[in-house]
Amino acid sequence: MSKIKFELEFPIHASPSMLYTYFATPAGLEEWFADKVNSRGKLVTFVWDGVEEKAAILSNKNHEKMKYKWEESEGDESYFEFRIQVDPITKDVSLMVTDFADDEDEVEESKMLWENQIDELKHTIGA
């Protein structure tokens, strides 16, 4: 079964280099995304309420983007990605989040989850 890809854009008042550390480092991710984050090479372990989820880092472009793939979704093309976009004229910074869901209902649930998570990130960095 193929998954449904969706992308969200969140304007964030922060420098790209500072924002990058919040989705590219275990310490940064622990501040807003997961209770605990451990990284071993290209494998990252996220812990929520004592439950571990593992993801592989598919790509990492310094101060620009991080792409992860959940271990449980090995058999499909899904991933989740954080990408920083800077408007060349206004210099406004946006965080683009790409993710996948199993069906339309899950897309809406996932979008709401991401909105809550990014609100937490904005609160954490004071943006």
PDB file of N, CA and C in Angstrom:
ATOM      1  N   MET A   1       0.843  -1.185   0.000  1.00  0.00           N
ATOM      2  CA  MET A   1       0.000   0.000   0.000  1.00  0.00           C
ATOM      3  C   MET A   1       0.887   1.246   0.000  1.00  0.00           C
ATOM      4  N   SER A   2       0.606   2.156  -0.901  1.00  0.00           N
ATOM      5  CA  SER A   2       1.433   3.357  -0.947  1.00  0.00           C
ATOM      6  C   SER A   2       0.906   4.392   0.050  1.00  0.00           C
ATOM      7  N   LYS A   3       1.830   5.171   0.541  1.00  0.00           N
ATOM      8  CA  LYS A   3       1.484   6.183   1.536  1.00  0.00           C
ATOM      9  C   LYS A   3       1.257   7.522   0.863  1.00  0.00           C
ATOM     10  N   ILE A   4       0.612   8.411   1.605  1.00  0.00           N
ATOM     11  CA  ILE A   4       0.296   9.748   1.092  1.00  0.00           C
ATOM     12  C   ILE A   4       1.328  10.737   1.647  1.00  0.00           C
ATOM     13  N   LYS A   5       2.017  11.401   0.734  1.00  0.00           N
ATOM     14  CA  LYS A   5       3.029  12.383   1.125  1.00  0.00           C
ATOM     15  C   LYS A   5       2.359  13.727   1.358  1.00  0.00           C
ATOM     16  N   PHE A   6       2.799  14.424   2.424  1.00  0.00           N
ATOM     17  CA  PHE A   6       2.299  15.783   2.649  1.00  0.00           C
ATOM     18  C   PHE A   6       3.437  16.655   3.147  1.00  0.00           C
ATOM     19  N   GLU A   7       3.281  17.959   2.925  1.00  0.00           N
ATOM     20  CA  GLU A   7       4.319  18.911   3.338  1.00  0.00           C
ATOM     21  C   GLU A   7       3.649  20.085   4.035  1.00  0.00           C
ATOM     22  N   LEU A   8       4.266  20.532   5.109  1.00  0.00           N
ATOM     23  CA  LEU A   8       3.763  21.663   5.878  1.00  0.00           C
ATOM     24  C   LEU A   8       4.838  22.738   5.937  1.00  0.00           C
ATOM     25  N   GLU A   9       4.393  23.994   5.979  1.00  0.00           N
ATOM     26  CA  GLU A   9       5.326  25.117   6.076  1.00  0.00           C
ATOM     27  C   GLU A   9       5.018  25.906   7.334  1.00  0.00           C
ATOM     28  N   PHE A  10       6.068  26.144   8.137  1.00  0.00           N
ATOM     29  CA  PHE A  10       5.917  26.891   9.378  1.00  0.00           C
ATOM     30  C   PHE A  10       6.886  28.070   9.378  1.00  0.00           C
ATOM     31  N   PRO A  11       6.384  29.312   9.305  1.00  0.00           N
ATOM     32  CA  PRO A  11       7.269  30.469   9.432  1.00  0.00           C
ATOM     33  C   PRO A  11       7.852  30.485  10.859  1.00  0.00           C
ATOM     34  N   ILE A  12       9.151  30.672  10.951  1.00  0.00           N
ATOM     35  CA  ILE A  12       9.807  30.677  12.262  1.00  0.00           C
ATOM     36  C   ILE A  12      10.798  31.825  12.317  1.00  0.00           C
ATOM     37  N   HIS A  13      10.704  32.609  13.379  1.00  0.00           N
ATOM     38  CA  HIS A  13      11.619  33.738  13.551  1.00  0.00           C
ATOM     39  C   HIS A  13      12.860  33.254  14.301  1.00  0.00           C
ATOM     40  N   ALA A  14      13.799  32.694  13.536  1.00  0.00           N
ATOM     41  CA  ALA A  14      15.052  32.197  14.110  1.00  0.00           C
ATOM     42  C   ALA A  14      16.082  32.111  12.989  1.00  0.00           C
ATOM     43  N   SER A  15      17.339  32.126  13.359  1.00  0.00           N
ATOM     44  CA  SER A  15      18.378  31.999  12.328  1.00  0.00           C
ATOM     45  C   SER A  15      18.425  30.543  11.862  1.00  0.00           C
ATOM     46  N   PRO A  16      18.711  30.325  10.579  1.00  0.00           N
ATOM     47  CA  PRO A  16      18.778  28.958  10.068  1.00  0.00           C
ATOM     48  C   PRO A  16      19.761  28.070  10.834  1.00  0.00           C
ATOM     49  N   SER A  17      20.919  28.594  11.198  1.00  0.00           N
ATOM     50  CA  SER A  17      21.909  27.766  11.895  1.00  0.00           C
ATOM     51  C   SER A  17      21.417  27.349  13.285  1.00  0.00           C
ATOM     52  N   MET A  18      20.740  28.254  13.992  1.00  0.00           N
ATOM     53  CA  MET A  18      20.210  27.908  15.308  1.00  0.00           C
ATOM     54  C   MET A  18      19.067  26.904  15.167  1.00  0.00           C
ATOM     55  N   LEU A  19      18.162  27.165  14.231  1.00  0.00           N
ATOM     56  CA  LEU A  19      17.027  26.283  14.002  1.00  0.00           C
ATOM     57  C   LEU A  19      17.488  24.873  13.647  1.00  0.00           C
ATOM     58  N   TYR A  20      18.508  24.780  12.823  1.00  0.00           N
ATOM     59  CA  TYR A  20      19.046  23.490  12.379  1.00  0.00           C
ATOM     60  C   TYR A  20      19.416  22.588  13.561  1.00  0.00           C
ATOM     61  N   THR A  21      20.012  23.164  14.606  1.00  0.00           N
ATOM     62  CA  THR A  21      20.444  22.340  15.751  1.00  0.00           C
ATOM     63  C   THR A  21      19.260  21.678  16.450  1.00  0.00           C
ATOM     64  N   TYR A  22      18.057  22.254  16.303  1.00  0.00           N
ATOM     65  CA  TYR A  22      16.885  21.692  16.975  1.00  0.00           C
ATOM     66  C   TYR A  22      16.299  20.472  16.269  1.00  0.00           C
ATOM     67  N   PHE A  23      16.683  20.210  15.042  1.00  0.00           N
ATOM     68  CA  PHE A  23      16.218  18.970  14.410  1.00  0.00           C
ATOM     69  C   PHE A  23      17.357  18.093  13.911  1.00  0.00           C
ATOM     70  N   ALA A  24      18.599  18.497  14.165  1.00  0.00           N
ATOM     71  CA  ALA A  24      19.737  17.725  13.685  1.00  0.00           C
ATOM     72  C   ALA A  24      20.612  17.170  14.804  1.00  0.00           C
ATOM     73  N   THR A  25      20.339  17.551  16.055  1.00  0.00           N
ATOM     74  CA  THR A  25      21.150  17.058  17.165  1.00  0.00           C
ATOM     75  C   THR A  25      20.250  16.401  18.213  1.00  0.00           C
ATOM     76  N   PRO A  26      20.755  15.367  18.890  1.00  0.00           N
ATOM     77  CA  PRO A  26      19.951  14.736  19.948  1.00  0.00           C
ATOM     78  C   PRO A  26      19.499  15.735  21.011  1.00  0.00           C
ATOM     79  N   ALA A  27      20.390  16.605  21.456  1.00  0.00           N
ATOM     80  CA  ALA A  27      20.034  17.583  22.497  1.00  0.00           C
ATOM     81  C   ALA A  27      18.934  18.520  22.005  1.00  0.00           C
ATOM     82  N   GLY A  28      19.030  18.961  20.760  1.00  0.00           N
ATOM     83  CA  GLY A  28      18.012  19.842  20.196  1.00  0.00           C
ATOM     84  C   GLY A  28      16.670  19.143  20.058  1.00  0.00           C
ATOM     85  N   LEU A  29      16.671  17.910  19.583  1.00  0.00           N
ATOM     86  CA  LEU A  29      15.429  17.145  19.412  1.00  0.00           C
ATOM     87  C   LEU A  29      14.758  16.835  20.751  1.00  0.00           C
ATOM     88  N   GLU A  30      15.570  16.635  21.791  1.00  0.00           N
ATOM     89  CA  GLU A  30      15.014  16.355  23.123  1.00  0.00           C
ATOM     90  C   GLU A  30      14.265  17.555  23.695  1.00  0.00           C
ATOM     91  N   GLU A  31      14.592  18.743  23.221  1.00  0.00           N
ATOM     92  CA  GLU A  31      13.942  19.941  23.767  1.00  0.00           C
ATOM     93  C   GLU A  31      12.499  20.119  23.296  1.00  0.00           C
ATOM     94  N   TRP A  32      12.130  19.463  22.174  1.00  0.00           N
ATOM     95  CA  TRP A  32      10.782  19.694  21.658  1.00  0.00           C
ATOM     96  C   TRP A  32      10.131  18.487  20.983  1.00  0.00           C
ATOM     97  N   PHE A  33      10.938  17.501  20.565  1.00  0.00           N
ATOM     98  CA  PHE A  33      10.390  16.440  19.730  1.00  0.00           C
ATOM     99  C   PHE A  33      10.167  15.125  20.467  1.00  0.00           C
ATOM    100  N   ALA A  34      11.112  14.727  21.289  1.00  0.00           N
ATOM    101  CA  ALA A  34      11.022  13.441  21.982  1.00  0.00           C
ATOM    102  C   ALA A  34      11.537  13.598  23.413  1.00  0.00           C
ATOM    103  N   ASP A  35      11.174  12.628  24.271  1.00  0.00           N
ATOM    104  CA  ASP A  35      11.631  12.680  25.662  1.00  0.00           C
ATOM    105  C   ASP A  35      13.140  12.460  25.748  1.00  0.00           C
ATOM    106  N   LYS A  36      13.644  11.546  24.922  1.00  0.00           N
ATOM    107  CA  LYS A  36      15.069  11.203  24.921  1.00  0.00           C
ATOM    108  C   LYS A  36      15.471  10.874  23.493  1.00  0.00           C
ATOM    109  N   VAL A  37      16.673  11.263  23.101  1.00  0.00           N
ATOM    110  CA  VAL A  37      17.167  10.975  21.757  1.00  0.00           C
ATOM    111  C   VAL A  37      18.622  10.531  21.859  1.00  0.00           C
ATOM    112  N   ASN A  38      18.916   9.383  21.249  1.00  0.00           N
ATOM    113  CA  ASN A  38      20.288   8.879  21.195  1.00  0.00           C
ATOM    114  C   ASN A  38      20.679   8.702  19.738  1.00  0.00           C
ATOM    115  N   SER A  39      21.927   9.023  19.448  1.00  0.00           N
ATOM    116  CA  SER A  39      22.405   8.916  18.077  1.00  0.00           C
ATOM    117  C   SER A  39      23.670   8.076  18.041  1.00  0.00           C
ATOM    118  N   ARG A  40      23.684   7.103  17.137  1.00  0.00           N
ATOM    119  CA  ARG A  40      24.862   6.268  16.901  1.00  0.00           C
ATOM    120  C   ARG A  40      25.102   6.229  15.408  1.00  0.00           C
ATOM    121  N   GLY A  41      26.028   7.039  14.947  1.00  0.00           N
ATOM    122  CA  GLY A  41      26.269   7.098  13.510  1.00  0.00           C
ATOM    123  C   GLY A  41      25.029   7.576  12.788  1.00  0.00           C
ATOM    124  N   LYS A  42      24.517   6.747  11.876  1.00  0.00           N
ATOM    125  CA  LYS A  42      23.325   7.122  11.095  1.00  0.00           C
ATOM    126  C   LYS A  42      22.037   6.608  11.715  1.00  0.00           C
ATOM    127  N   LEU A  43      22.105   5.979  12.899  1.00  0.00           N
ATOM    128  CA  LEU A  43      20.906   5.465  13.552  1.00  0.00           C
ATOM    129  C   LEU A  43      20.550   6.339  14.748  1.00  0.00           C
ATOM    130  N   VAL A  44      19.294   6.789  14.788  1.00  0.00           N
ATOM    131  CA  VAL A  44      18.829   7.651  15.865  1.00  0.00           C
ATOM    132  C   VAL A  44      17.684   6.940  16.579  1.00  0.00           C
ATOM    133  N   THR A  45      17.744   6.911  17.915  1.00  0.00           N
ATOM    134  CA  THR A  45      16.686   6.312  18.709  1.00  0.00           C
ATOM    135  C   THR A  45      15.928   7.425  19.420  1.00  0.00           C
ATOM    136  N   PHE A  46      14.621   7.470  19.190  1.00  0.00           N
ATOM    137  CA  PHE A  46      13.734   8.439  19.823  1.00  0.00           C
ATOM    138  C   PHE A  46      12.936   7.701  20.889  1.00  0.00           C
ATOM    139  N   VAL A  47      12.755   8.321  22.066  1.00  0.00           N
ATOM    140  CA  VAL A  47      11.992   7.683  23.145  1.00  0.00           C
ATOM    141  C   VAL A  47      10.866   8.625  23.571  1.00  0.00           C
ATOM    142  N   TRP A  48       9.638   8.080  23.577  1.00  0.00           N
ATOM    143  CA  TRP A  48       8.456   8.783  24.074  1.00  0.00           C
ATOM    144  C   TRP A  48       7.791   7.886  25.112  1.00  0.00           C
ATOM    145  N   ASP A  49       7.608   8.389  26.328  1.00  0.00           N
ATOM    146  CA  ASP A  49       6.954   7.615  27.399  1.00  0.00           C
ATOM    147  C   ASP A  49       7.532   6.208  27.525  1.00  0.00           C
ATOM    148  N   GLY A  50       8.842   6.083  27.416  1.00  0.00           N
ATOM    149  CA  GLY A  50       9.507   4.793  27.578  1.00  0.00           C
ATOM    150  C   GLY A  50       9.500   3.902  26.343  1.00  0.00           C
ATOM    151  N   VAL A  51       8.823   4.320  25.266  1.00  0.00           N
ATOM    152  CA  VAL A  51       8.748   3.519  24.040  1.00  0.00           C
ATOM    153  C   VAL A  51       9.777   4.048  23.036  1.00  0.00           C
ATOM    154  N   GLU A  52      10.618   3.123  22.533  1.00  0.00           N
ATOM    155  CA  GLU A  52      11.657   3.492  21.571  1.00  0.00           C
ATOM    156  C   GLU A  52      11.190   3.346  20.139  1.00  0.00           C
ATOM    157  N   GLU A  53      11.570   4.312  19.317  1.00  0.00           N
ATOM    158  CA  GLU A  53      11.363   4.247  17.872  1.00  0.00           C
ATOM    159  C   GLU A  53      12.711   4.585  17.250  1.00  0.00           C
ATOM    160  N   LYS A  54      13.139   3.770  16.283  1.00  0.00           N
ATOM    161  CA  LYS A  54      14.432   4.006  15.646  1.00  0.00           C
ATOM    162  C   LYS A  54      14.243   4.543  14.228  1.00  0.00           C
ATOM    163  N   ALA A  55      15.139   5.449  13.848  1.00  0.00           N
ATOM    164  CA  ALA A  55      15.115   6.014  12.498  1.00  0.00           C
ATOM    165  C   ALA A  55      16.549   6.119  11.987  1.00  0.00           C
ATOM    166  N   ALA A  56      16.693   5.942  10.692  1.00  0.00           N
ATOM    167  CA  ALA A  56      17.995   6.108  10.049  1.00  0.00           C
ATOM    168  C   ALA A  56      18.052   7.510   9.443  1.00  0.00           C
ATOM    169  N   ILE A  57      19.231   8.107   9.490  1.00  0.00           N
ATOM    170  CA  ILE A  57      19.429   9.403   8.827  1.00  0.00           C
ATOM    171  C   ILE A  57      19.698   9.109   7.351  1.00  0.00           C
ATOM    172  N   LEU A  58      18.799   9.569   6.487  1.00  0.00           N
ATOM    173  CA  LEU A  58      18.969   9.347   5.049  1.00  0.00           C
ATOM    174  C   LEU A  58      19.847  10.414   4.418  1.00  0.00           C
ATOM    175  N   SER A  59      19.687  11.655   4.863  1.00  0.00           N
ATOM    176  CA  SER A  59      20.543  12.728   4.358  1.00  0.00           C
ATOM    177  C   SER A  59      20.599  13.862   5.368  1.00  0.00           C
ATOM    178  N   ASN A  60      21.708  14.568   5.301  1.00  0.00           N
ATOM    179  CA  ASN A  60      21.968  15.661   6.230  1.00  0.00           C
ATOM    180  C   ASN A  60      22.737  16.731   5.468  1.00  0.00           C
ATOM    181  N   LYS A  61      22.111  17.875   5.278  1.00  0.00           N
ATOM    182  CA  LYS A  61      22.787  18.992   4.630  1.00  0.00           C
ATOM    183  C   LYS A  61      22.898  20.093   5.671  1.00  0.00           C
ATOM    184  N   ASN A  62      24.114  20.394   6.071  1.00  0.00           N
ATOM    185  CA  ASN A  62      24.376  21.309   7.173  1.00  0.00           C
ATOM    186  C   ASN A  62      23.624  22.627   7.048  1.00  0.00           C
ATOM    187  N   HIS A  63      22.946  22.994   8.135  1.00  0.00           N
ATOM    188  CA  HIS A  63      22.178  24.236   8.242  1.00  0.00           C
ATOM    189  C   HIS A  63      21.049  24.335   7.216  1.00  0.00           C
ATOM    190  N   GLU A  64      20.659  23.194   6.624  1.00  0.00           N
ATOM    191  CA  GLU A  64      19.601  23.251   5.623  1.00  0.00           C
ATOM    192  C   GLU A  64      18.524  22.189   5.824  1.00  0.00           C
ATOM    193  N   LYS A  65      18.922  20.904   5.945  1.00  0.00           N
ATOM    194  CA  LYS A  65      17.887  19.885   6.089  1.00  0.00           C
ATOM    195  C   LYS A  65      18.410  18.598   6.726  1.00  0.00           C
ATOM    196  N   MET A  66      17.457  17.832   7.275  1.00  0.00           N
ATOM    197  CA  MET A  66      17.714  16.493   7.810  1.00  0.00           C
ATOM    198  C   MET A  66      16.568  15.614   7.339  1.00  0.00           C
ATOM    199  N   LYS A  67      16.915  14.444   6.827  1.00  0.00           N
ATOM    200  CA  LYS A  67      15.894  13.499   6.366  1.00  0.00           C
ATOM    201  C   LYS A  67      16.092  12.198   7.127  1.00  0.00           C
ATOM    202  N   TYR A  68      14.996  11.707   7.738  1.00  0.00           N
ATOM    203  CA  TYR A  68      15.011  10.480   8.531  1.00  0.00           C
ATOM    204  C   TYR A  68      14.044   9.457   7.945  1.00  0.00           C
ATOM    205  N   LYS A  69      14.322   8.178   8.218  1.00  0.00           N
ATOM    206  CA  LYS A  69      13.401   7.106   7.831  1.00  0.00           C
ATOM    207  C   LYS A  69      13.187   6.196   9.022  1.00  0.00           C
ATOM    208  N   TRP A  70      11.909   6.030   9.407  1.00  0.00           N
ATOM    209  CA  TRP A  70      11.594   5.137  10.526  1.00  0.00           C
ATOM    210  C   TRP A  70      11.970   3.706  10.167  1.00  0.00           C
ATOM    211  N   GLU A  71      12.566   2.990  11.119  1.00  0.00           N
ATOM    212  CA  GLU A  71      12.957   1.598  10.925  1.00  0.00           C
ATOM    213  C   GLU A  71      11.751   0.736  10.549  1.00  0.00           C
ATOM    214  N   GLU A  72      10.591   1.031  11.146  1.00  0.00           N
ATOM    215  CA  GLU A  72       9.391   0.232  10.902  1.00  0.00           C
ATOM    216  C   GLU A  72       8.828   0.410   9.489  1.00  0.00           C
ATOM    217  N   SER A  73       9.295   1.408   8.760  1.00  0.00           N
ATOM    218  CA  SER A  73       8.780   1.639   7.402  1.00  0.00           C
ATOM    219  C   SER A  73       9.827   1.309   6.337  1.00  0.00           C
ATOM    220  N   GLU A  74      10.649   0.284   6.628  1.00  0.00           N
ATOM    221  CA  GLU A  74      11.715  -0.112   5.707  1.00  0.00           C
ATOM    222  C   GLU A  74      11.210  -0.490   4.316  1.00  0.00           C
ATOM    223  N   GLY A  75      10.019  -1.088   4.237  1.00  0.00           N
ATOM    224  CA  GLY A  75       9.539  -1.594   2.954  1.00  0.00           C
ATOM    225  C   GLY A  75       8.857  -0.582   2.057  1.00  0.00           C
ATOM    226  N   ASP A  76       8.860   0.687   2.415  1.00  0.00           N
ATOM    227  CA  ASP A  76       8.190   1.674   1.562  1.00  0.00           C
ATOM    228  C   ASP A  76       9.083   2.888   1.315  1.00  0.00           C
ATOM    229  N   GLU A  77       8.550   3.843   0.607  1.00  0.00           N
ATOM    230  CA  GLU A  77       9.329   5.028   0.223  1.00  0.00           C
ATOM    231  C   GLU A  77       9.195   6.192   1.202  1.00  0.00           C
ATOM    232  N   SER A  78       8.535   5.975   2.332  1.00  0.00           N
ATOM    233  CA  SER A  78       8.263   7.077   3.253  1.00  0.00           C
ATOM    234  C   SER A  78       9.515   7.524   4.013  1.00  0.00           C
ATOM    235  N   TYR A  79       9.454   8.748   4.484  1.00  0.00           N
ATOM    236  CA  TYR A  79      10.508   9.351   5.302  1.00  0.00           C
ATOM    237  C   TYR A  79       9.892  10.565   5.978  1.00  0.00           C
ATOM    238  N   PHE A  80      10.649  11.206   6.865  1.00  0.00           N
ATOM    239  CA  PHE A  80      10.231  12.523   7.332  1.00  0.00           C
ATOM    240  C   PHE A  80      11.438  13.428   7.275  1.00  0.00           C
ATOM    241  N   GLU A  81      11.175  14.678   6.904  1.00  0.00           N
ATOM    242  CA  GLU A  81      12.267  15.602   6.632  1.00  0.00           C
ATOM    243  C   GLU A  81      11.964  16.971   7.205  1.00  0.00           C
ATOM    244  N   PHE A  82      13.006  17.579   7.753  1.00  0.00           N
ATOM    245  CA  PHE A  82      12.962  18.977   8.187  1.00  0.00           C
ATOM    246  C   PHE A  82      13.843  19.742   7.211  1.00  0.00           C
ATOM    247  N   ARG A  83      13.307  20.807   6.619  1.00  0.00           N
ATOM    248  CA  ARG A  83      14.086  21.590   5.671  1.00  0.00           C
ATOM    249  C   ARG A  83      13.889  23.071   5.961  1.00  0.00           C
ATOM    250  N   ILE A  84      14.980  23.788   6.038  1.00  0.00           N
ATOM    251  CA  ILE A  84      14.915  25.231   6.280  1.00  0.00           C
ATOM    252  C   ILE A  84      14.883  25.941   4.934  1.00  0.00           C
ATOM    253  N   GLN A  85      13.921  26.838   4.792  1.00  0.00           N
ATOM    254  CA  GLN A  85      13.783  27.609   3.558  1.00  0.00           C
ATOM    255  C   GLN A  85      13.887  29.087   3.922  1.00  0.00           C
ATOM    256  N   VAL A  86      14.761  29.798   3.238  1.00  0.00           N
ATOM    257  CA  VAL A  86      14.931  31.232   3.489  1.00  0.00           C
ATOM    258  C   VAL A  86      14.522  31.985   2.230  1.00  0.00           C
ATOM    259  N   ASP A  87      13.585  32.923   2.380  1.00  0.00           N
ATOM    260  CA  ASP A  87      13.150  33.737   1.245  1.00  0.00           C
ATOM    261  C   ASP A  87      14.319  34.623   0.824  1.00  0.00           C
ATOM    262  N   PRO A  88      14.718  34.563  -0.456  1.00  0.00           N
ATOM    263  CA  PRO A  88      15.892  35.324  -0.891  1.00  0.00           C
ATOM    264  C   PRO A  88      15.724  36.845  -0.792  1.00  0.00           C
ATOM    265  N   ILE A  89      14.488  37.321  -0.843  1.00  0.00           N
ATOM    266  CA  ILE A  89      14.263  38.771  -0.797  1.00  0.00           C
ATOM    267  C   ILE A  89      14.035  39.255   0.631  1.00  0.00           C
ATOM    268  N   THR A  90      13.072  38.644   1.327  1.00  0.00           N
ATOM    269  CA  THR A  90      12.709  39.127   2.664  1.00  0.00           C
ATOM    270  C   THR A  90      13.577  38.523   3.771  1.00  0.00           C
ATOM    271  N   LYS A  91      14.273  37.427   3.453  1.00  0.00           N
ATOM    272  CA  LYS A  91      15.101  36.678   4.426  1.00  0.00           C
ATOM    273  C   LYS A  91      14.249  35.997   5.503  1.00  0.00           C
ATOM    274  N   ASP A  92      12.920  35.912   5.268  1.00  0.00           N
ATOM    275  CA  ASP A  92      12.049  35.194   6.204  1.00  0.00           C
ATOM    276  C   ASP A  92      12.420  33.720   6.205  1.00  0.00           C
ATOM    277  N   VAL A  93      12.419  33.123   7.389  1.00  0.00           N
ATOM    278  CA  VAL A  93      12.794  31.717   7.554  1.00  0.00           C
ATOM    279  C   VAL A  93      11.544  30.877   7.771  1.00  0.00           C
ATOM    280  N   SER A  94      11.451  29.778   7.041  1.00  0.00           N
ATOM    281  CA  SER A  94      10.363  28.821   7.229  1.00  0.00           C
ATOM    282  C   SER A  94      10.947  27.444   7.431  1.00  0.00           C
ATOM    283  N   LEU A  95      10.272  26.652   8.264  1.00  0.00           N
ATOM    284  CA  LEU A  95      10.637  25.259   8.442  1.00  0.00           C
ATOM    285  C   LEU A  95       9.631  24.438   7.645  1.00  0.00           C
ATOM    286  N   MET A  96      10.122  23.678   6.689  1.00  0.00           N
ATOM    287  CA  MET A  96       9.280  22.806   5.877  1.00  0.00           C
ATOM    288  C   MET A  96       9.376  21.398   6.469  1.00  0.00           C
ATOM    289  N   VAL A  97       8.225  20.790   6.715  1.00  0.00           N
ATOM    290  CA  VAL A  97       8.188  19.425   7.238  1.00  0.00           C
ATOM    291  C   VAL A  97       7.509  18.550   6.192  1.00  0.00           C
ATOM    292  N   THR A  98       8.194  17.494   5.777  1.00  0.00           N
ATOM    293  CA  THR A  98       7.630  16.523   4.846  1.00  0.00           C
ATOM    294  C   THR A  98       7.446  15.224   5.609  1.00  0.00           C
ATOM    295  N   ASP A  99       6.287  14.594   5.450  1.00  0.00           N
ATOM    296  CA  ASP A  99       6.008  13.328   6.128  1.00  0.00           C
ATOM    297  C   ASP A  99       5.038  12.530   5.262  1.00  0.00           C
ATOM    298  N   PHE A 100       4.749  11.315   5.695  1.00  0.00           N
ATOM    299  CA  PHE A 100       3.843  10.432   4.967  1.00  0.00           C
ATOM    300  C   PHE A 100       2.812   9.870   5.931  1.00  0.00           C
ATOM    301  N   ALA A 101       1.633   9.554   5.400  1.00  0.00           N
ATOM    302  CA  ALA A 101       0.570   8.946   6.198  1.00  0.00           C
ATOM    303  C   ALA A 101      -0.053   7.803   5.394  1.00  0.00           C
ATOM    304  N   ASP A 102      -0.734   6.886   6.101  1.00  0.00           N
ATOM    305  CA  ASP A 102      -1.329   5.723   5.440  1.00  0.00           C
ATOM    306  C   ASP A 102      -2.585   6.057   4.646  1.00  0.00           C
ATOM    307  N   ASP A 103      -3.388   7.022   5.127  1.00  0.00           N
ATOM    308  CA  ASP A 103      -4.629   7.373   4.430  1.00  0.00           C
ATOM    309  C   ASP A 103      -4.992   8.826   4.735  1.00  0.00           C
ATOM    310  N   GLU A 104      -6.064   9.308   4.120  1.00  0.00           N
ATOM    311  CA  GLU A 104      -6.462  10.716   4.268  1.00  0.00           C
ATOM    312  C   GLU A 104      -6.748  11.099   5.723  1.00  0.00           C
ATOM    313  N   ASP A 105      -7.407  10.206   6.476  1.00  0.00           N
ATOM    314  CA  ASP A 105      -7.690  10.500   7.883  1.00  0.00           C
ATOM    315  C   ASP A 105      -6.396  10.679   8.667  1.00  0.00           C
ATOM    316  N   GLU A 106      -5.427   9.818   8.381  1.00  0.00           N
ATOM    317  CA  GLU A 106      -4.151   9.897   9.084  1.00  0.00           C
ATOM    318  C   GLU A 106      -3.365  11.153   8.683  1.00  0.00           C
ATOM    319  N   VAL A 107      -3.560  11.624   7.451  1.00  0.00           N
ATOM    320  CA  VAL A 107      -2.896  12.861   7.013  1.00  0.00           C
ATOM    321  C   VAL A 107      -3.328  14.000   7.926  1.00  0.00           C
ATOM    322  N   GLU A 108      -4.625  14.124   8.171  1.00  0.00           N
ATOM    323  CA  GLU A 108      -5.129  15.207   9.020  1.00  0.00           C
ATOM    324  C   GLU A 108      -4.614  15.073  10.457  1.00  0.00           C
ATOM    325  N   GLU A 109      -4.610  13.838  10.982  1.00  0.00           N
ATOM    326  CA  GLU A 109      -4.082  13.605  12.335  1.00  0.00           C
ATOM    327  C   GLU A 109      -2.606  13.973  12.406  1.00  0.00           C
ATOM    328  N   SER A 110      -1.856  13.551  11.404  1.00  0.00           N
ATOM    329  CA  SER A 110      -0.416  13.824  11.379  1.00  0.00           C
ATOM    330  C   SER A 110      -0.129  15.316  11.267  1.00  0.00           C
ATOM    331  N   LYS A 111      -0.927  16.014  10.456  1.00  0.00           N
ATOM    332  CA  LYS A 111      -0.746  17.468  10.327  1.00  0.00           C
ATOM    333  C   LYS A 111      -0.971  18.148  11.683  1.00  0.00           C
ATOM    334  N   MET A 112      -2.019  17.723  12.398  1.00  0.00           N
ATOM    335  CA  MET A 112      -2.286  18.310  13.711  1.00  0.00           C
ATOM    336  C   MET A 112      -1.148  18.009  14.691  1.00  0.00           C
ATOM    337  N   LEU A 113      -0.626  16.793  14.632  1.00  0.00           N
ATOM    338  CA  LEU A 113       0.490  16.416  15.495  1.00  0.00           C
ATOM    339  C   LEU A 113       1.707  17.291  15.199  1.00  0.00           C
ATOM    340  N   TRP A 114       2.019  17.477  13.904  1.00  0.00           N
ATOM    341  CA  TRP A 114       3.153  18.318  13.535  1.00  0.00           C
ATOM    342  C   TRP A 114       2.936  19.763  13.971  1.00  0.00           C
ATOM    343  N   GLU A 115       1.716  20.264  13.819  1.00  0.00           N
ATOM    344  CA  GLU A 115       1.437  21.642  14.247  1.00  0.00           C
ATOM    345  C   GLU A 115       1.687  21.802  15.739  1.00  0.00           C
ATOM    346  N   ASN A 116       1.277  20.820  16.530  1.00  0.00           N
ATOM    347  CA  ASN A 116       1.534  20.858  17.975  1.00  0.00           C
ATOM    348  C   ASN A 116       3.022  20.773  18.267  1.00  0.00           C
ATOM    349  N   GLN A 117       3.721  19.888  17.566  1.00  0.00           N
ATOM    350  CA  GLN A 117       5.161  19.736  17.785  1.00  0.00           C
ATOM    351  C   GLN A 117       5.905  21.028  17.426  1.00  0.00           C
ATOM    352  N   ILE A 118       5.553  21.632  16.302  1.00  0.00           N
ATOM    353  CA  ILE A 118       6.244  22.854  15.876  1.00  0.00           C
ATOM    354  C   ILE A 118       5.891  24.019  16.795  1.00  0.00           C
ATOM    355  N   ASP A 119       4.662  24.038  17.324  1.00  0.00           N
ATOM    356  CA  ASP A 119       4.324  25.050  18.338  1.00  0.00           C
ATOM    357  C   ASP A 119       5.241  24.898  19.547  1.00  0.00           C
ATOM    358  N   GLU A 120       5.502  23.657  19.934  1.00  0.00           N
ATOM    359  CA  GLU A 120       6.415  23.378  21.049  1.00  0.00           C
ATOM    360  C   GLU A 120       7.824  23.870  20.710  1.00  0.00           C
ATOM    361  N   LEU A 121       8.258  23.623  19.489  1.00  0.00           N
ATOM    362  CA  LEU A 121       9.582  24.089  19.041  1.00  0.00           C
ATOM    363  C   LEU A 121       9.648  25.609  19.094  1.00  0.00           C
ATOM    364  N   LYS A 122       8.614  26.294  18.577  1.00  0.00           N
ATOM    365  CA  LYS A 122       8.604  27.764  18.594  1.00  0.00           C
ATOM    366  C   LYS A 122       8.651  28.289  20.025  1.00  0.00           C
ATOM    367  N   HIS A 123       7.906  27.655  20.905  1.00  0.00           N
ATOM    368  CA  HIS A 123       7.908  28.050  22.306  1.00  0.00           C
ATOM    369  C   HIS A 123       9.298  27.858  22.921  1.00  0.00           C
ATOM    370  N   THR A 124       9.933  26.735  22.586  1.00  0.00           N
ATOM    371  CA  THR A 124      11.261  26.410  23.115  1.00  0.00           C
ATOM    372  C   THR A 124      12.309  27.443  22.695  1.00  0.00           C
ATOM    373  N   ILE A 125      12.254  27.854  21.418  1.00  0.00           N
ATOM    374  CA  ILE A 125      13.268  28.794  20.945  1.00  0.00           C
ATOM    375  C   ILE A 125      12.831  30.258  21.041  1.00  0.00           C
ATOM    376  N   GLY A 126      11.626  30.473  21.519  1.00  0.00           N
ATOM    377  CA  GLY A 126      11.132  31.844  21.687  1.00  0.00           C
ATOM    378  C   GLY A 126      10.844  32.544  20.393  1.00  0.00           C
ATOM    379  N   ALA A 127      10.430  31.764  19.390  1.00  0.00           N
ATOM    380  CA  ALA A 127      10.164  32.350  18.056  1.00  0.00           C
ATOM    381  C   ALA A 127       8.704  32.727  17.915  1.00  0.00           C
TER     382      ALA A 127
END
